[in-house]
Amino acid sequence: MSIGLSIRSWVGSTLFGISYVVSTVVAGVVAPPIALCVPGIHRQKVLNVHNGILLFLFRIFCGVTVNVQGRENLEKGRAYVIVANHQSEWETYFLQVLVTPLSTVLKKELLSVPFFGWGLRMVQPIAIDRSQKSNALKQILKQGKERLLGGRSVLIFPEGTRVRAGEEKSFNKGAAMLATSADKAILPIVHNAGEIWPGKKWLKQPGTINVIIGEPIEVEGKKTGDMHEEMEVWMRENMAKVTTK
């Protein structure tokens, strides 16, 4: 990396970091009371104002462009089991804006984070204790089915935790189990955001985040194993396509 590019990355990351903290605190105080005045399934639109601002500031300060392929595969008003690879904080904001309303499967500790967790509680997440794997799966299947039948898509990261760009981790079958149980299609999404905004890293890099939204994987006539295999094959193939490093 050239000295000029390195300086730009540090300056942009610093400006974004400051704006990230300030906007999160402000949104954590202001947005929840406003959202309470809105019917439940529409509350995410209020909270998404903050997500949209963060994504905009990230693009401006850090010199990032976002290229999305396959938007036509996302049918408005349809509830899906959304699956995506997990590399960065970026996708947690982007996917909330892309798909609304959306309930995310996440670790319960996030709900206790000041400001950030206050808004998160209002979009009906499925907050699990990852140390209790059997109970966590039962919770995902029970609450996930309730969310889906109520018109909300459910987001699951099948890798279970963040994985560095270019590395691989096994996929769990929770998404396929939920899809077959609720009779809802899986919508697979892949991206390379970890190359630009690495997980738990302060320094962000300029560049392009490539996103591919796949065709829905329909449930009809398929078992859990079939759904899981089709999902994993598509995601592995397309993760290789978006990876640039």
Protein backbone atom coordinates (compact mmCIF):
# COMPACT_ATOMS: atom_id res chain seq x y z
CA MET A 1 0.00 0.00 0.00
CA SER A 2 1.34 3.44 -0.95
CA ILE A 3 1.93 6.07 1.73
CA GLY A 4 -0.76 8.31 0.24
CA LEU A 5 -3.32 5.51 0.24
CA SER A 6 -2.36 4.51 3.78
CA ILE A 7 -2.85 8.07 5.05
CA ARG A 8 -6.20 8.30 3.26
CA SER A 9 -7.30 5.04 4.87
CA TRP A 10 -6.34 6.22 8.36
CA VAL A 11 -7.99 9.63 7.94
CA GLY A 12 -11.15 8.14 6.43
CA SER A 13 -11.35 5.42 9.07
CA THR A 14 -10.92 7.98 11.85
CA LEU A 15 -13.63 10.28 10.47
CA PHE A 16 -15.95 7.34 10.02
CA GLY A 17 -15.17 6.00 13.49
CA ILE A 18 -16.05 9.33 15.10
CA SER A 19 -19.27 9.66 13.08
CA TYR A 20 -20.13 6.02 13.86
CA VAL A 21 -19.96 6.59 17.61
CA VAL A 22 -21.78 9.94 17.55
CA SER A 23 -24.58 8.78 15.25
CA THR A 24 -25.07 5.53 17.20
CA VAL A 25 -25.43 7.39 20.48
CA VAL A 26 -27.85 9.91 18.98
CA ALA A 27 -29.87 7.21 17.22
CA GLY A 28 -29.93 5.08 20.38
CA VAL A 29 -31.55 7.94 22.29
CA VAL A 30 -33.83 9.40 19.60
CA ALA A 31 -34.95 6.50 17.39
CA PRO A 32 -36.51 4.06 19.92
CA PRO A 33 -39.12 6.54 21.27
CA ILE A 34 -40.09 7.46 17.71
CA ALA A 35 -40.26 3.82 16.66
CA LEU A 36 -42.60 3.05 19.56
CA CYS A 37 -45.19 5.29 17.86
CA VAL A 38 -45.06 3.14 14.71
CA PRO A 39 -46.80 -0.24 14.22
CA GLY A 40 -44.44 -3.11 15.04
CA ILE A 41 -43.72 -4.46 11.56
CA HIS A 42 -42.85 -0.94 10.30
CA ARG A 43 -40.52 0.05 13.16
CA GLN A 44 -37.47 -1.12 11.31
CA LYS A 45 -38.00 1.61 8.70
CA VAL A 46 -37.48 4.21 11.43
CA LEU A 47 -34.40 2.48 12.78
CA ASN A 48 -33.06 2.00 9.26
CA VAL A 49 -32.55 5.75 8.94
CA HIS A 50 -29.51 5.32 11.17
CA ASN A 51 -28.31 2.27 9.22
CA GLY A 52 -28.63 4.16 5.95
CA ILE A 53 -26.67 7.12 7.33
CA LEU A 54 -23.86 4.84 8.53
CA LEU A 55 -23.61 3.11 5.16
CA PHE A 56 -23.53 6.49 3.38
CA LEU A 57 -20.81 7.88 5.68
CA PHE A 58 -18.79 4.68 5.26
CA ARG A 59 -18.86 5.04 1.47
CA ILE A 60 -17.96 8.74 1.57
CA PHE A 61 -15.23 8.74 4.24
CA CYS A 62 -13.61 5.42 3.33
CA GLY A 63 -13.84 5.64 -0.47
CA VAL A 64 -16.05 2.60 -0.94
CA THR A 65 -18.43 1.65 -3.74
CA VAL A 66 -21.03 -1.10 -3.50
CA ASN A 67 -21.93 -3.28 -6.48
CA VAL A 68 -25.10 -5.38 -6.04
CA GLN A 69 -26.12 -8.10 -8.48
CA GLY A 70 -29.42 -9.97 -8.37
CA ARG A 71 -31.77 -7.44 -6.80
CA GLU A 72 -34.49 -8.89 -9.03
CA ASN A 73 -34.33 -12.10 -6.97
CA LEU A 74 -35.63 -10.29 -3.90
CA GLU A 75 -39.40 -10.20 -4.13
CA LYS A 76 -40.91 -7.34 -2.15
CA GLY A 77 -43.35 -8.44 0.54
CA ARG A 78 -42.15 -12.05 0.60
CA ALA A 79 -40.66 -13.53 3.78
CA TYR A 80 -37.46 -15.54 3.27
CA VAL A 81 -34.87 -17.35 5.31
CA ILE A 82 -31.95 -15.08 4.38
CA VAL A 83 -28.47 -16.63 4.56
CA ALA A 84 -25.26 -14.65 4.13
CA ASN A 85 -21.56 -15.10 4.77
CA HIS A 86 -20.33 -13.23 7.84
CA GLN A 87 -17.11 -11.22 7.43
CA SER A 88 -17.76 -7.73 8.75
CA GLU A 89 -20.05 -5.40 10.66
CA TRP A 90 -21.00 -3.91 7.29
CA GLU A 91 -23.37 -6.70 6.25
CA THR A 92 -25.35 -6.42 9.50
CA TYR A 93 -26.27 -2.84 8.54
CA PHE A 94 -26.60 -3.40 4.81
CA LEU A 95 -28.92 -6.41 5.09
CA GLN A 96 -31.26 -4.56 7.47
CA VAL A 97 -31.72 -1.89 4.81
CA LEU A 98 -31.90 -4.36 1.93
CA VAL A 99 -34.62 -6.53 3.49
CA THR A 100 -37.35 -4.99 5.66
CA PRO A 101 -38.78 -6.22 7.99
CA LEU A 102 -35.98 -8.55 9.08
CA SER A 103 -35.29 -10.51 12.28
CA THR A 104 -31.65 -11.49 12.78
CA VAL A 105 -30.34 -14.52 14.65
CA LEU A 106 -27.65 -13.08 16.93
CA LYS A 107 -25.90 -13.60 20.23
CA LYS A 108 -27.95 -12.29 23.13
CA GLU A 109 -25.06 -10.22 24.53
CA LEU A 110 -25.58 -7.68 21.74
CA LEU A 111 -28.90 -6.63 23.26
CA SER A 112 -27.02 -5.33 26.31
CA VAL A 113 -24.77 -2.97 24.31
CA PRO A 114 -25.73 0.63 25.24
CA PHE A 115 -27.53 2.62 22.51
CA PHE A 116 -26.94 -0.02 19.81
CA GLY A 117 -28.77 -2.75 21.71
CA TRP A 118 -31.72 -0.50 22.56
CA GLY A 119 -32.70 -0.17 18.92
CA LEU A 120 -31.85 -3.78 18.16
CA ARG A 121 -34.42 -5.02 20.68
CA MET A 122 -37.19 -3.30 18.71
CA VAL A 123 -36.79 -5.30 15.49
CA GLN A 124 -37.63 -8.68 17.03
CA PRO A 125 -34.21 -10.37 16.82
CA ILE A 126 -33.77 -14.02 17.75
CA ALA A 127 -31.23 -13.63 20.55
CA ILE A 128 -29.55 -16.93 21.40
CA ASP A 129 -27.08 -18.21 23.97
CA ARG A 130 -24.40 -19.85 21.82
CA SER A 131 -23.13 -21.89 24.77
CA GLN A 132 -26.47 -23.77 24.80
CA LYS A 133 -26.43 -25.20 21.27
CA SER A 134 -29.43 -27.54 21.54
CA ASN A 135 -31.63 -24.89 23.15
CA ALA A 136 -30.40 -22.30 20.66
CA LEU A 137 -31.49 -24.45 17.71
CA LYS A 138 -34.92 -25.03 19.25
CA GLN A 139 -35.26 -21.29 19.78
CA ILE A 140 -34.28 -20.53 16.17
CA LEU A 141 -36.82 -23.02 14.84
CA LYS A 142 -39.65 -21.87 17.13
CA GLN A 143 -39.14 -18.10 17.00
CA GLY A 144 -37.93 -18.15 13.41
CA LYS A 145 -41.11 -19.87 12.27
CA GLU A 146 -43.21 -17.34 14.21
CA ARG A 147 -41.35 -14.43 12.57
CA LEU A 148 -41.67 -15.91 9.07
CA LEU A 149 -45.37 -16.67 9.39
CA GLY A 150 -45.82 -13.12 10.71
CA GLY A 151 -44.35 -11.69 7.50
CA ARG A 152 -40.77 -11.05 8.65
CA SER A 153 -37.73 -12.50 6.91
CA VAL A 154 -35.17 -14.17 9.16
CA LEU A 155 -31.42 -13.62 8.72
CA ILE A 156 -29.04 -16.44 9.61
CA PHE A 157 -25.25 -16.46 9.22
CA PRO A 158 -24.64 -20.20 8.64
CA GLU A 159 -20.95 -19.91 9.54
CA GLY A 160 -22.07 -18.89 13.05
CA THR A 161 -19.36 -16.27 13.52
CA ARG A 162 -17.23 -13.87 11.49
CA VAL A 163 -14.75 -15.46 9.11
CA ARG A 164 -11.85 -13.64 7.44
CA ALA A 165 -12.22 -12.91 3.75
CA GLY A 166 -10.81 -15.81 1.74
CA GLU A 167 -11.12 -18.33 4.57
CA GLU A 168 -13.77 -21.04 4.91
CA LYS A 169 -15.73 -22.43 7.83
CA SER A 170 -18.35 -25.17 7.92
CA PHE A 171 -22.02 -24.16 7.53
CA ASN A 172 -24.57 -25.27 10.10
CA LYS A 173 -27.95 -26.65 9.00
CA GLY A 174 -30.13 -24.27 11.03
CA ALA A 175 -31.24 -22.24 8.00
CA ALA A 176 -32.25 -25.33 6.01
CA MET A 177 -34.08 -26.76 9.03
CA LEU A 178 -36.00 -23.52 9.54
CA ALA A 179 -36.85 -23.23 5.84
CA THR A 180 -38.31 -26.74 5.64
CA SER A 181 -40.12 -26.36 8.97
CA ALA A 182 -41.76 -23.05 7.98
CA ASP A 183 -42.12 -23.96 4.28
CA LYS A 184 -40.23 -20.81 3.25
CA ALA A 185 -37.56 -20.37 0.59
CA ILE A 186 -33.91 -19.69 1.38
CA LEU A 187 -32.50 -16.53 -0.23
CA PRO A 188 -28.68 -16.80 -0.35
CA ILE A 189 -26.45 -13.71 -0.38
CA VAL A 190 -22.66 -13.44 -0.56
CA HIS A 191 -20.26 -10.49 -0.41
CA ASN A 192 -16.61 -9.57 0.15
CA ALA A 193 -17.09 -6.82 2.77
CA GLY A 194 -14.37 -8.31 4.97
CA GLU A 195 -11.76 -7.16 2.46
CA ILE A 196 -12.86 -3.55 2.96
CA TRP A 197 -14.12 -3.50 6.57
CA PRO A 198 -12.41 -6.41 8.36
CA GLY A 199 -14.17 -7.68 11.47
CA LYS A 200 -13.05 -5.97 14.70
CA LYS A 201 -10.55 -3.79 12.83
CA TRP A 202 -10.37 0.00 13.05
CA LEU A 203 -8.72 0.53 9.65
CA LYS A 204 -10.99 0.33 6.62
CA GLN A 205 -9.74 0.11 3.03
CA PRO A 206 -11.03 1.91 -0.07
CA GLY A 207 -12.40 -0.35 -2.78
CA THR A 208 -15.51 -2.13 -3.98
CA ILE A 209 -17.84 -4.36 -2.00
CA ASN A 210 -19.39 -6.89 -4.36
CA VAL A 211 -22.74 -8.41 -3.38
CA ILE A 212 -24.57 -11.23 -5.16
CA ILE A 213 -28.18 -12.06 -4.32
CA GLY A 214 -29.03 -15.55 -5.53
CA GLU A 215 -32.30 -16.97 -6.77
CA PRO A 216 -34.57 -18.28 -3.99
CA ILE A 217 -34.02 -21.92 -3.12
CA GLU A 218 -37.56 -23.23 -2.98
CA VAL A 219 -38.64 -25.86 -0.45
CA GLU A 220 -41.19 -27.84 -2.43
CA GLY A 221 -40.21 -31.48 -2.84
CA LYS A 222 -36.94 -31.10 -0.88
CA LYS A 223 -35.67 -32.37 2.46
CA THR A 224 -33.49 -30.44 4.89
CA GLY A 225 -30.33 -32.06 3.55
CA ASP A 226 -31.23 -31.10 -0.02
CA MET A 227 -31.86 -27.47 0.96
CA HIS A 228 -28.61 -27.28 2.91
CA GLU A 229 -26.52 -28.78 0.12
CA GLU A 230 -28.00 -26.51 -2.55
CA MET A 231 -27.46 -23.46 -0.31
CA GLU A 232 -23.87 -24.36 0.53
CA VAL A 233 -22.87 -25.18 -3.05
CA TRP A 234 -24.26 -21.87 -4.32
CA MET A 235 -22.62 -19.85 -1.52
CA ARG A 236 -19.20 -21.50 -1.89
CA GLU A 237 -19.17 -20.97 -5.65
CA ASN A 238 -20.24 -17.35 -5.45
CA MET A 239 -18.04 -16.44 -2.48
CA ALA A 240 -15.11 -17.40 -4.72
CA LYS A 241 -16.46 -15.05 -7.41
CA VAL A 242 -16.67 -11.97 -5.17
CA THR A 243 -13.36 -12.52 -3.39
CA THR A 244 -10.65 -10.30 -4.86
CA LYS A 245 -7.75 -10.86 -2.43
